[in-house]
Amino acid sequence: MYMDAVVIAGIVTVLLMLGFFVGVAVFVMRDQKRHAEDVSKRQEKHGGRPV
């Protein structure tokens, strides 16, 4: 297979985009877990009623 600079640049670009989206997904999942704990603490403080 002929590897041109454009092909290599395209592969690197796709890998960088995938890495970015995986990083965003990991950040969102961790943030959801962190905020879920905050919500449960607030509900306990207010007797289980939504705030």
N, C-alpha and C. Protein backbone atom coordinates (compact mmCIF):
# COMPACT_ATOMS: atom_id res chain seq x y z
N MET A 1 0.85 -1.19 0.00
CA MET A 1 0.00 0.00 0.00
C MET A 1 0.89 1.23 0.00
N TYR A 2 0.57 2.14 -0.85
CA TYR A 2 1.35 3.37 -0.99
C TYR A 2 0.98 4.34 0.13
N MET A 3 1.96 4.70 0.98
CA MET A 3 1.71 5.61 2.11
C MET A 3 2.23 7.00 1.75
N ASP A 4 1.34 7.87 1.45
CA ASP A 4 1.68 9.25 1.14
C ASP A 4 1.56 10.08 2.42
N ALA A 5 2.12 11.26 2.42
CA ALA A 5 2.04 12.14 3.59
C ALA A 5 0.58 12.48 3.90
N VAL A 6 -0.24 12.59 2.87
CA VAL A 6 -1.65 12.91 3.07
C VAL A 6 -2.37 11.76 3.77
N VAL A 7 -2.05 10.53 3.40
CA VAL A 7 -2.67 9.36 4.03
C VAL A 7 -2.27 9.30 5.49
N ILE A 8 -1.01 9.52 5.78
CA ILE A 8 -0.54 9.49 7.17
C ILE A 8 -1.20 10.61 7.97
N ALA A 9 -1.30 11.80 7.39
CA ALA A 9 -1.94 12.92 8.08
C ALA A 9 -3.42 12.61 8.34
N GLY A 10 -4.08 11.95 7.40
CA GLY A 10 -5.49 11.59 7.59
C GLY A 10 -5.66 10.58 8.71
N ILE A 11 -4.79 9.58 8.76
CA ILE A 11 -4.87 8.58 9.82
C ILE A 11 -4.62 9.22 11.17
N VAL A 12 -3.61 10.10 11.25
CA VAL A 12 -3.31 10.79 12.51
C VAL A 12 -4.50 11.66 12.93
N THR A 13 -5.12 12.34 11.98
CA THR A 13 -6.27 13.18 12.29
C THR A 13 -7.43 12.36 12.85
N VAL A 14 -7.71 11.23 12.24
CA VAL A 14 -8.79 10.36 12.72
C VAL A 14 -8.48 9.84 14.12
N LEU A 15 -7.24 9.43 14.36
CA LEU A 15 -6.86 8.94 15.69
C LEU A 15 -6.97 10.05 16.74
N LEU A 16 -6.58 11.26 16.39
CA LEU A 16 -6.71 12.37 17.33
C LEU A 16 -8.18 12.67 17.65
N MET A 17 -9.04 12.62 16.62
CA MET A 17 -10.47 12.86 16.87
C MET A 17 -11.06 11.77 17.76
N LEU A 18 -10.70 10.52 17.51
CA LEU A 18 -11.19 9.43 18.35
C LEU A 18 -10.71 9.59 19.79
N GLY A 19 -9.44 9.95 19.95
CA GLY A 19 -8.91 10.17 21.29
C GLY A 19 -9.63 11.30 22.00
N PHE A 20 -9.93 12.38 21.27
CA PHE A 20 -10.65 13.50 21.86
C PHE A 20 -12.04 13.08 22.33
N PHE A 21 -12.78 12.36 21.49
CA PHE A 21 -14.14 11.97 21.86
C PHE A 21 -14.15 10.96 22.99
N VAL A 22 -13.17 10.06 23.03
CA VAL A 22 -13.07 9.12 24.15
C VAL A 22 -12.77 9.90 25.44
N GLY A 23 -11.90 10.89 25.36
CA GLY A 23 -11.60 11.72 26.52
C GLY A 23 -12.81 12.48 27.02
N VAL A 24 -13.60 13.02 26.11
CA VAL A 24 -14.82 13.73 26.50
C VAL A 24 -15.81 12.76 27.14
N ALA A 25 -15.93 11.56 26.59
CA ALA A 25 -16.85 10.57 27.15
C ALA A 25 -16.43 10.17 28.56
N VAL A 26 -15.13 9.97 28.78
CA VAL A 26 -14.64 9.62 30.11
C VAL A 26 -14.91 10.76 31.08
N PHE A 27 -14.67 12.00 30.65
CA PHE A 27 -14.94 13.15 31.50
C PHE A 27 -16.41 13.24 31.87
N VAL A 28 -17.30 13.03 30.91
CA VAL A 28 -18.73 13.13 31.17
C VAL A 28 -19.17 12.03 32.14
N MET A 29 -18.67 10.81 31.96
CA MET A 29 -19.07 9.71 32.85
C MET A 29 -18.59 9.98 34.28
N ARG A 30 -17.37 10.45 34.44
CA ARG A 30 -16.87 10.76 35.79
C ARG A 30 -17.65 11.90 36.41
N ASP A 31 -18.00 12.91 35.59
CA ASP A 31 -18.75 14.05 36.10
C ASP A 31 -20.16 13.64 36.50
N GLN A 32 -20.78 12.72 35.76
CA GLN A 32 -22.11 12.24 36.12
C GLN A 32 -22.08 11.52 37.46
N LYS A 33 -21.06 10.70 37.68
CA LYS A 33 -20.94 9.99 38.95
C LYS A 33 -20.76 10.96 40.10
N ARG A 34 -19.92 11.98 39.88
CA ARG A 34 -19.66 12.97 40.93
C ARG A 34 -20.93 13.75 41.27
N HIS A 35 -21.69 14.15 40.26
CA HIS A 35 -22.91 14.92 40.51
C HIS A 35 -24.04 14.04 41.03
N ALA A 36 -24.05 12.77 40.71
CA ALA A 36 -25.07 11.87 41.25
C ALA A 36 -24.91 11.76 42.76
N GLU A 37 -23.66 11.74 43.24
CA GLU A 37 -23.43 11.71 44.69
C GLU A 37 -23.90 13.01 45.33
N ASP A 38 -23.66 14.14 44.66
CA ASP A 38 -24.10 15.43 45.20
C ASP A 38 -25.62 15.49 45.31
N VAL A 39 -26.32 14.97 44.30
CA VAL A 39 -27.79 14.99 44.30
C VAL A 39 -28.32 14.12 45.42
N SER A 40 -27.73 12.94 45.62
CA SER A 40 -28.22 12.06 46.68
C SER A 40 -27.99 12.69 48.05
N LYS A 41 -26.89 13.40 48.23
CA LYS A 41 -26.63 14.07 49.50
C LYS A 41 -27.65 15.19 49.73
N ARG A 42 -27.98 15.92 48.66
CA ARG A 42 -28.97 17.00 48.81
C ARG A 42 -30.34 16.44 49.15
N GLN A 43 -30.70 15.29 48.55
CA GLN A 43 -32.01 14.71 48.82
C GLN A 43 -32.08 14.20 50.26
N GLU A 44 -30.98 13.65 50.77
CA GLU A 44 -30.96 13.20 52.16
C GLU A 44 -31.12 14.38 53.10
N LYS A 45 -30.53 15.51 52.76
CA LYS A 45 -30.59 16.69 53.59
C LYS A 45 -32.02 17.24 53.65
N HIS A 46 -32.77 17.09 52.57
CA HIS A 46 -34.13 17.63 52.49
C HIS A 46 -35.20 16.56 52.68
N GLY A 47 -34.86 15.46 53.29
CA GLY A 47 -35.84 14.43 53.59
C GLY A 47 -36.27 13.63 52.40
N GLY A 48 -35.45 13.54 51.36
CA GLY A 48 -35.79 12.73 50.20
C GLY A 48 -36.64 13.44 49.18
N ARG A 49 -37.03 14.68 49.47
CA ARG A 49 -37.83 15.44 48.51
C ARG A 49 -36.90 16.06 47.45
N PRO A 50 -37.34 16.15 46.21
CA PRO A 50 -36.53 16.82 45.20
C PRO A 50 -36.37 18.30 45.55
N VAL A 51 -35.22 18.83 45.22
CA VAL A 51 -34.94 20.23 45.54
C VAL A 51 -35.44 21.10 44.44
